[in-house]
PDB file of N, CA and C in Angstrom:
ATOM      1  N   UNK A   1      27.067   4.725 -28.646  1.00  0.00           N
ATOM      2  CA  UNK A   1      26.132   4.755 -29.016  1.00  0.00           C
ATOM      3  C   UNK A   1      25.176   4.693 -27.709  1.00  0.00           C
ATOM      4  N   UNK A   2      24.360   5.680 -27.261  1.00  0.00           N
ATOM      5  CA  UNK A   2      23.492   5.358 -26.250  1.00  0.00           C
ATOM      6  C   UNK A   2      22.122   4.817 -25.986  1.00  0.00           C
ATOM      7  N   UNK A   3      21.595   3.844 -25.760  1.00  0.00           N
ATOM      8  CA  UNK A   3      21.044   2.672 -25.353  1.00  0.00           C
ATOM      9  C   UNK A   3      19.910   3.111 -24.483  1.00  0.00           C
ATOM     10  N   UNK A   4      18.875   3.876 -24.664  1.00  0.00           N
ATOM     11  CA  UNK A   4      17.871   4.405 -23.520  1.00  0.00           C
ATOM     12  C   UNK A   4      16.818   3.511 -23.791  1.00  0.00           C
ATOM     13  N   UNK A   5      16.868   2.740 -21.991  1.00  0.00           N
ATOM     14  CA  UNK A   5      15.857   1.711 -21.905  1.00  0.00           C
ATOM     15  C   UNK A   5      14.477   2.398 -21.580  1.00  0.00           C
ATOM     16  N   UNK A   6      13.457   1.376 -21.326  1.00  0.00           N
ATOM     17  CA  UNK A   6      12.314   1.986 -21.050  1.00  0.00           C
ATOM     18  C   UNK A   6      12.389   1.412 -19.428  1.00  0.00           C
ATOM     19  N   UNK A   7      11.562   2.214 -18.554  1.00  0.00           N
ATOM     20  CA  UNK A   7      11.350   1.492 -17.320  1.00  0.00           C
ATOM     21  C   UNK A   7      10.401   0.413 -16.906  1.00  0.00           C
ATOM     22  N   UNK A   8      10.875  -0.718 -16.284  1.00  0.00           N
ATOM     23  CA  UNK A   8      10.182  -1.601 -16.730  1.00  0.00           C
ATOM     24  C   UNK A   8       9.207  -1.873 -15.255  1.00  0.00           C
ATOM     25  N   UNK A   9       7.763  -2.308 -15.294  1.00  0.00           N
ATOM     26  CA  UNK A   9       7.222  -2.490 -14.429  1.00  0.00           C
ATOM     27  C   UNK A   9       7.363  -3.468 -13.042  1.00  0.00           C
ATOM     28  N   UNK A  10       7.465  -3.172 -11.863  1.00  0.00           N
ATOM     29  CA  UNK A  10       7.846  -4.250 -11.246  1.00  0.00           C
ATOM     30  C   UNK A  10       6.620  -5.288 -10.970  1.00  0.00           C
ATOM     31  N   UNK A  11       7.354  -6.297 -11.086  1.00  0.00           N
ATOM     32  CA  UNK A  11       6.739  -7.550 -11.203  1.00  0.00           C
ATOM     33  C   UNK A  11       6.946  -8.403 -10.126  1.00  0.00           C
ATOM     34  N   UNK A  12       7.586  -8.343  -9.055  1.00  0.00           N
ATOM     35  CA  UNK A  12       6.913  -8.557  -7.647  1.00  0.00           C
ATOM     36  C   UNK A  12       7.184  -7.940  -6.517  1.00  0.00           C
ATOM     37  N   UNK A  13       6.898  -8.086  -5.488  1.00  0.00           N
ATOM     38  CA  UNK A  13       5.956  -7.764  -4.722  1.00  0.00           C
ATOM     39  C   UNK A  13       7.436  -7.355  -4.077  1.00  0.00           C
ATOM     40  N   UNK A  14       8.487  -7.706  -4.248  1.00  0.00           N
ATOM     41  CA  UNK A  14       9.770  -6.740  -3.550  1.00  0.00           C
ATOM     42  C   UNK A  14      10.227  -5.775  -4.197  1.00  0.00           C
ATOM     43  N   UNK A  15       9.891  -5.922  -5.768  1.00  0.00           N
ATOM     44  CA  UNK A  15      10.454  -4.937  -6.852  1.00  0.00           C
ATOM     45  C   UNK A  15       9.701  -3.884  -6.664  1.00  0.00           C
ATOM     46  N   UNK A  16       8.203  -3.564  -6.878  1.00  0.00           N
ATOM     47  CA  UNK A  16       7.212  -2.436  -6.164  1.00  0.00           C
ATOM     48  C   UNK A  16       7.557  -2.181  -5.031  1.00  0.00           C
ATOM     49  N   UNK A  17       8.302  -2.654  -4.027  1.00  0.00           N
ATOM     50  CA  UNK A  17       8.326  -1.756  -2.759  1.00  0.00           C
ATOM     51  C   UNK A  17       9.905  -1.596  -3.304  1.00  0.00           C
ATOM     52  N   UNK A  18      10.937  -1.572  -3.929  1.00  0.00           N
ATOM     53  CA  UNK A  18      12.025  -1.209  -3.863  1.00  0.00           C
ATOM     54  C   UNK A  18      11.899   0.199  -5.023  1.00  0.00           C
ATOM     55  N   UNK A  19      11.216   0.190  -6.254  1.00  0.00           N
ATOM     56  CA  UNK A  19      10.513   0.943  -7.060  1.00  0.00           C
ATOM     57  C   UNK A  19       9.648   2.007  -6.654  1.00  0.00           C
ATOM     58  N   UNK A  20       9.193   1.907  -5.447  1.00  0.00           N
ATOM     59  CA  UNK A  20       8.542   2.837  -4.685  1.00  0.00           C
ATOM     60  C   UNK A  20       9.392   3.643  -3.866  1.00  0.00           C
ATOM     61  N   UNK A  21      10.566   2.615  -3.441  1.00  0.00           N
ATOM     62  CA  UNK A  21      11.220   3.725  -2.715  1.00  0.00           C
ATOM     63  C   UNK A  21      12.368   4.302  -3.076  1.00  0.00           C
ATOM     64  N   UNK A  22      12.898   3.768  -4.538  1.00  0.00           N
ATOM     65  CA  UNK A  22      13.708   4.166  -5.369  1.00  0.00           C
ATOM     66  C   UNK A  22      13.188   5.250  -5.521  1.00  0.00           C
ATOM     67  N   UNK A  23      11.933   5.711  -6.356  1.00  0.00           N
ATOM     68  CA  UNK A  23      11.298   6.262  -6.857  1.00  0.00           C
ATOM     69  C   UNK A  23      10.785   8.187  -5.979  1.00  0.00           C
ATOM     70  N   UNK A  24      10.852   7.763  -4.637  1.00  0.00           N
ATOM     71  CA  UNK A  24      10.864   9.201  -3.824  1.00  0.00           C
ATOM     72  C   UNK A  24      11.890   9.299  -2.723  1.00  0.00           C
ATOM     73  N   UNK A  25      13.495   8.670  -3.514  1.00  0.00           N
ATOM     74  CA  UNK A  25      14.762   8.750  -2.652  1.00  0.00           C
ATOM     75  C   UNK A  25      14.244   9.036  -1.207  1.00  0.00           C
ATOM     76  N   UNK A  26      13.648   7.309  -0.957  1.00  0.00           N
ATOM     77  CA  UNK A  26      13.595   6.762   0.849  1.00  0.00           C
ATOM     78  C   UNK A  26      15.139   5.803   1.054  1.00  0.00           C
ATOM     79  N   UNK A  27      16.121   6.150   1.831  1.00  0.00           N
ATOM     80  CA  UNK A  27      16.796   5.006   1.588  1.00  0.00           C
ATOM     81  C   UNK A  27      16.558   3.694   2.647  1.00  0.00           C
ATOM     82  N   UNK A  28      17.081   2.813   2.535  1.00  0.00           N
ATOM     83  CA  UNK A  28      16.403   1.638   2.601  1.00  0.00           C
ATOM     84  C   UNK A  28      16.246   1.489   4.398  1.00  0.00           C
ATOM     85  N   UNK A  29      17.237   2.469   5.120  1.00  0.00           N
ATOM     86  CA  UNK A  29      16.359   2.320   6.662  1.00  0.00           C
ATOM     87  C   UNK A  29      15.636   3.220   7.291  1.00  0.00           C
ATOM     88  N   UNK A  30      15.133   4.206   6.312  1.00  0.00           N
ATOM     89  CA  UNK A  30      14.152   5.228   6.533  1.00  0.00           C
ATOM     90  C   UNK A  30      12.698   3.884   6.334  1.00  0.00           C
ATOM     91  N   UNK A  31      12.862   3.400   4.546  1.00  0.00           N
ATOM     92  CA  UNK A  31      11.581   2.752   4.984  1.00  0.00           C
ATOM     93  C   UNK A  31      11.337   1.830   5.308  1.00  0.00           C
ATOM     94  N   UNK A  32      12.563   0.364   5.974  1.00  0.00           N
ATOM     95  CA  UNK A  32      12.642   0.094   6.991  1.00  0.00           C
ATOM     96  C   UNK A  32      11.651   0.612   8.273  1.00  0.00           C
ATOM     97  N   UNK A  33      11.864   1.374   8.790  1.00  0.00           N
ATOM     98  CA  UNK A  33      11.196   2.344   9.686  1.00  0.00           C
ATOM     99  C   UNK A  33       9.861   2.656   9.829  1.00  0.00           C
ATOM    100  N   UNK A  34       9.552   3.173   8.415  1.00  0.00           N
ATOM    101  CA  UNK A  34       8.339   3.310   7.758  1.00  0.00           C
ATOM    102  C   UNK A  34       7.227   2.533   8.027  1.00  0.00           C
ATOM    103  N   UNK A  35       7.520   0.704   7.554  1.00  0.00           N
ATOM    104  CA  UNK A  35       7.314  -0.360   7.221  1.00  0.00           C
ATOM    105  C   UNK A  35       7.292  -1.284   8.523  1.00  0.00           C
ATOM    106  N   UNK A  36       7.690  -0.673   9.816  1.00  0.00           N
ATOM    107  CA  UNK A  36       8.117  -1.368  10.426  1.00  0.00           C
ATOM    108  C   UNK A  36       8.410  -2.921  10.707  1.00  0.00           C
ATOM    109  N   UNK A  37       9.700  -2.874   9.850  1.00  0.00           N
ATOM    110  CA  UNK A  37      10.562  -3.689   9.932  1.00  0.00           C
ATOM    111  C   UNK A  37      11.855  -3.303  10.356  1.00  0.00           C
ATOM    112  N   UNK A  38      12.256  -4.839   9.946  1.00  0.00           N
ATOM    113  CA  UNK A  38      14.324  -4.302   9.721  1.00  0.00           C
ATOM    114  C   UNK A  38      14.478  -4.180   8.659  1.00  0.00           C
ATOM    115  N   UNK A  39      15.777  -3.766   8.155  1.00  0.00           N
ATOM    116  CA  UNK A  39      16.544  -3.515   7.417  1.00  0.00           C
ATOM    117  C   UNK A  39      16.823  -4.823   6.886  1.00  0.00           C
ATOM    118  N   UNK A  40      17.278  -5.767   7.533  1.00  0.00           N
ATOM    119  CA  UNK A  40      17.438  -6.629   6.968  1.00  0.00           C
ATOM    120  C   UNK A  40      16.489  -7.862   6.252  1.00  0.00           C
ATOM    121  N   UNK A  41      15.547  -7.429   6.966  1.00  0.00           N
ATOM    122  CA  UNK A  41      13.800  -8.196   6.422  1.00  0.00           C
ATOM    123  C   UNK A  41      13.821  -6.967   5.362  1.00  0.00           C
ATOM    124  N   UNK A  42      13.854  -6.445   4.807  1.00  0.00           N
ATOM    125  CA  UNK A  42      13.319  -5.275   4.365  1.00  0.00           C
ATOM    126  C   UNK A  42      14.127  -5.468   3.022  1.00  0.00           C
ATOM    127  N   UNK A  43      16.199  -6.268   2.956  1.00  0.00           N
ATOM    128  CA  UNK A  43      16.484  -6.319   1.990  1.00  0.00           C
ATOM    129  C   UNK A  43      15.668  -7.577   1.348  1.00  0.00           C
ATOM    130  N   UNK A  44      15.836  -8.820   2.049  1.00  0.00           N
ATOM    131  CA  UNK A  44      15.180  -9.574   1.836  1.00  0.00           C
ATOM    132  C   UNK A  44      13.927 -10.017   0.543  1.00  0.00           C
ATOM    133  N   UNK A  45      13.245  -8.966   0.947  1.00  0.00           N
ATOM    134  CA  UNK A  45      12.017  -8.835   0.347  1.00  0.00           C
ATOM    135  C   UNK A  45      11.777  -8.010  -0.926  1.00  0.00           C
ATOM    136  N   UNK A  46      12.798  -7.372  -0.905  1.00  0.00           N
ATOM    137  CA  UNK A  46      13.546  -6.550  -1.936  1.00  0.00           C
ATOM    138  C   UNK A  46      13.909  -7.530  -2.947  1.00  0.00           C
ATOM    139  N   UNK A  47      14.786  -8.478  -2.530  1.00  0.00           N
ATOM    140  CA  UNK A  47      15.955  -9.247  -3.570  1.00  0.00           C
ATOM    141  C   UNK A  47      15.161 -10.520  -3.750  1.00  0.00           C
ATOM    142  N   UNK A  48      13.315 -11.000  -3.362  1.00  0.00           N
ATOM    143  CA  UNK A  48      12.720 -12.404  -3.470  1.00  0.00           C
ATOM    144  C   UNK A  48      13.308 -13.283  -2.740  1.00  0.00           C
ATOM    145  N   UNK A  49      13.987 -13.070  -1.176  1.00  0.00           N
ATOM    146  CA  UNK A  49      14.157 -13.924  -0.969  1.00  0.00           C
ATOM    147  C   UNK A  49      13.229 -14.398   0.793  1.00  0.00           C
ATOM    148  N   UNK A  50      12.673 -13.647   0.563  1.00  0.00           N
ATOM    149  CA  UNK A  50      11.748 -13.431   1.544  1.00  0.00           C
ATOM    150  C   UNK A  50      10.132 -13.173   0.972  1.00  0.00           C
ATOM    151  N   UNK A  51       9.196 -13.585   1.773  1.00  0.00           N
ATOM    152  CA  UNK A  51       7.706 -14.058   1.505  1.00  0.00           C
ATOM    153  C   UNK A  51       7.296 -12.163   2.744  1.00  0.00           C
ATOM    154  N   UNK A  52       6.331 -11.836   2.255  1.00  0.00           N
ATOM    155  CA  UNK A  52       5.493 -10.414   2.864  1.00  0.00           C
ATOM    156  C   UNK A  52       4.600 -11.464   3.532  1.00  0.00           C
ATOM    157  N   UNK A  53       4.739 -11.686   5.157  1.00  0.00           N
ATOM    158  CA  UNK A  53       3.849 -12.228   6.264  1.00  0.00           C
ATOM    159  C   UNK A  53       2.295 -11.915   5.858  1.00  0.00           C
ATOM    160  N   UNK A  54       1.421 -12.126   5.793  1.00  0.00           N
ATOM    161  CA  UNK A  54      -0.404 -11.730   5.113  1.00  0.00           C
ATOM    162  C   UNK A  54      -0.522 -11.029   6.180  1.00  0.00           C
ATOM    163  N   UNK A  55      -0.173 -10.874   7.179  1.00  0.00           N
ATOM    164  CA  UNK A  55      -0.622  -9.238   8.057  1.00  0.00           C
ATOM    165  C   UNK A  55       0.355  -8.301   7.756  1.00  0.00           C
ATOM    166  N   UNK A  56       1.277  -8.489   7.559  1.00  0.00           N
ATOM    167  CA  UNK A  56       2.102  -7.234   6.771  1.00  0.00           C
ATOM    168  C   UNK A  56       1.568  -6.604   5.884  1.00  0.00           C
ATOM    169  N   UNK A  57       1.122  -7.663   4.857  1.00  0.00           N
ATOM    170  CA  UNK A  57      -0.027  -7.498   3.360  1.00  0.00           C
ATOM    171  C   UNK A  57      -0.519  -6.104   4.155  1.00  0.00           C
ATOM    172  N   UNK A  58      -1.416  -6.281   4.767  1.00  0.00           N
ATOM    173  CA  UNK A  58      -2.620  -6.301   5.427  1.00  0.00           C
ATOM    174  C   UNK A  58      -1.831  -5.012   5.783  1.00  0.00           C
ATOM    175  N   UNK A  59      -1.404  -4.554   7.011  1.00  0.00           N
ATOM    176  CA  UNK A  59      -0.330  -3.566   7.566  1.00  0.00           C
ATOM    177  C   UNK A  59       0.098  -2.211   6.411  1.00  0.00           C
ATOM    178  N   UNK A  60       0.894  -2.772   5.713  1.00  0.00           N
ATOM    179  CA  UNK A  60       1.423  -1.984   4.704  1.00  0.00           C
ATOM    180  C   UNK A  60       0.260  -1.265   3.823  1.00  0.00           C
ATOM    181  N   UNK A  61      -0.555  -2.447   3.287  1.00  0.00           N
ATOM    182  CA  UNK A  61      -1.762  -1.744   2.041  1.00  0.00           C
ATOM    183  C   UNK A  61      -2.223  -0.575   2.851  1.00  0.00           C
ATOM    184  N   UNK A  62      -2.763  -0.485   4.176  1.00  0.00           N
ATOM    185  CA  UNK A  62      -3.271   0.515   4.713  1.00  0.00           C
ATOM    186  C   UNK A  62      -2.235   1.702   4.829  1.00  0.00           C
ATOM    187  N   UNK A  63      -0.958   1.012   5.014  1.00  0.00           N
ATOM    188  CA  UNK A  63      -0.060   2.567   5.229  1.00  0.00           C
ATOM    189  C   UNK A  63       0.513   3.611   3.584  1.00  0.00           C
ATOM    190  N   UNK A  64      -0.046   2.914   2.414  1.00  0.00           N
ATOM    191  CA  UNK A  64       0.567   3.057   0.716  1.00  0.00           C
ATOM    192  C   UNK A  64      -1.105   3.037   0.732  1.00  0.00           C
ATOM    193  N   UNK A  65      -1.521   3.653   0.066  1.00  0.00           N
ATOM    194  CA  UNK A  65      -2.863   3.320  -0.023  1.00  0.00           C
ATOM    195  C   UNK A  65      -2.711   2.882  -1.873  1.00  0.00           C
ATOM    196  N   UNK A  66      -1.878   2.755  -2.315  1.00  0.00           N
ATOM    197  CA  UNK A  66      -2.411   2.677  -3.318  1.00  0.00           C
ATOM    198  C   UNK A  66      -1.620   1.197  -4.066  1.00  0.00           C
ATOM    199  N   UNK A  67      -1.252   0.583  -2.394  1.00  0.00           N
ATOM    200  CA  UNK A  67      -0.878  -0.688  -2.461  1.00  0.00           C
ATOM    201  C   UNK A  67      -1.691  -1.443  -1.910  1.00  0.00           C
ATOM    202  N   UNK A  68      -2.108  -3.039  -2.797  1.00  0.00           N
ATOM    203  CA  UNK A  68      -2.915  -4.137  -1.808  1.00  0.00           C
ATOM    204  C   UNK A  68      -2.736  -5.018  -1.876  1.00  0.00           C
ATOM    205  N   UNK A  69      -2.510  -5.735  -0.523  1.00  0.00           N
ATOM    206  CA  UNK A  69      -2.772  -7.221  -0.297  1.00  0.00           C
ATOM    207  C   UNK A  69      -2.431  -7.857  -1.687  1.00  0.00           C
ATOM    208  N   UNK A  70      -2.749  -7.879  -2.559  1.00  0.00           N
ATOM    209  CA  UNK A  70      -3.177  -8.769  -3.734  1.00  0.00           C
ATOM    210  C   UNK A  70      -1.600  -8.374  -4.798  1.00  0.00           C
ATOM    211  N   UNK A  71      -1.640  -7.308  -4.431  1.00  0.00           N
ATOM    212  CA  UNK A  71       0.493  -6.766  -5.372  1.00  0.00           C
ATOM    213  C   UNK A  71       1.165  -6.898  -4.112  1.00  0.00           C
ATOM    214  N   UNK A  72       1.286  -6.869  -2.931  1.00  0.00           N
ATOM    215  CA  UNK A  72       2.082  -7.976  -2.069  1.00  0.00           C
ATOM    216  C   UNK A  72       2.667  -9.146  -1.912  1.00  0.00           C
ATOM    217  N   UNK A  73       1.428  -9.945  -2.436  1.00  0.00           N
ATOM    218  CA  UNK A  73       1.359 -10.992  -2.103  1.00  0.00           C
ATOM    219  C   UNK A  73       2.183 -11.833  -3.663  1.00  0.00           C
ATOM    220  N   UNK A  74       2.991 -12.787  -3.376  1.00  0.00           N
ATOM    221  CA  UNK A  74       3.276 -13.593  -4.722  1.00  0.00           C
ATOM    222  C   UNK A  74       3.078 -14.907  -4.615  1.00  0.00           C
ATOM    223  N   UNK A  75       3.045 -15.483  -5.965  1.00  0.00           N
ATOM    224  CA  UNK A  75       2.538 -16.930  -5.610  1.00  0.00           C
ATOM    225  C   UNK A  75       3.314 -18.022  -5.593  1.00  0.00           C
ATOM    226  N   UNK A  76       4.607 -17.363  -5.653  1.00  0.00           N
ATOM    227  CA  UNK A  76       5.565 -18.436  -5.497  1.00  0.00           C
ATOM    228  C   UNK A  76       6.326 -18.636  -4.091  1.00  0.00           C
ATOM    229  N   UNK A  77       5.888 -17.500  -3.434  1.00  0.00           N
ATOM    230  CA  UNK A  77       6.274 -17.360  -1.676  1.00  0.00           C
ATOM    231  C   UNK A  77       5.860 -18.532  -1.054  1.00  0.00           C
ATOM    232  N   UNK A  78       6.673 -18.663  -0.030  1.00  0.00           N
ATOM    233  CA  UNK A  78       6.582 -19.731   0.945  1.00  0.00           C
ATOM    234  C   UNK A  78       5.872 -19.179   2.012  1.00  0.00           C
ATOM    235  N   UNK A  79       5.109 -18.522   2.090  1.00  0.00           N
ATOM    236  CA  UNK A  79       4.436 -17.228   3.590  1.00  0.00           C
ATOM    237  C   UNK A  79       3.864 -18.608   4.200  1.00  0.00           C
TER     238      UNK A  79
END
């Protein structure tokens, strides 16, 4: 039996970034270069181990028009 899973909406900033990257077939290295951060930092953000700084929230929302700083902020983060 095959169970079909409905795609889930990203809930955290890291999940949003990962979903964006995977939907477009972008490697982590390419995405990190595009976002002006290291691959390690991007990995930590995608996995919810690091918050996105306010400056990066603003920069990244300018680079990806449908992202907003609020979408890239998590109340649970320690920024």
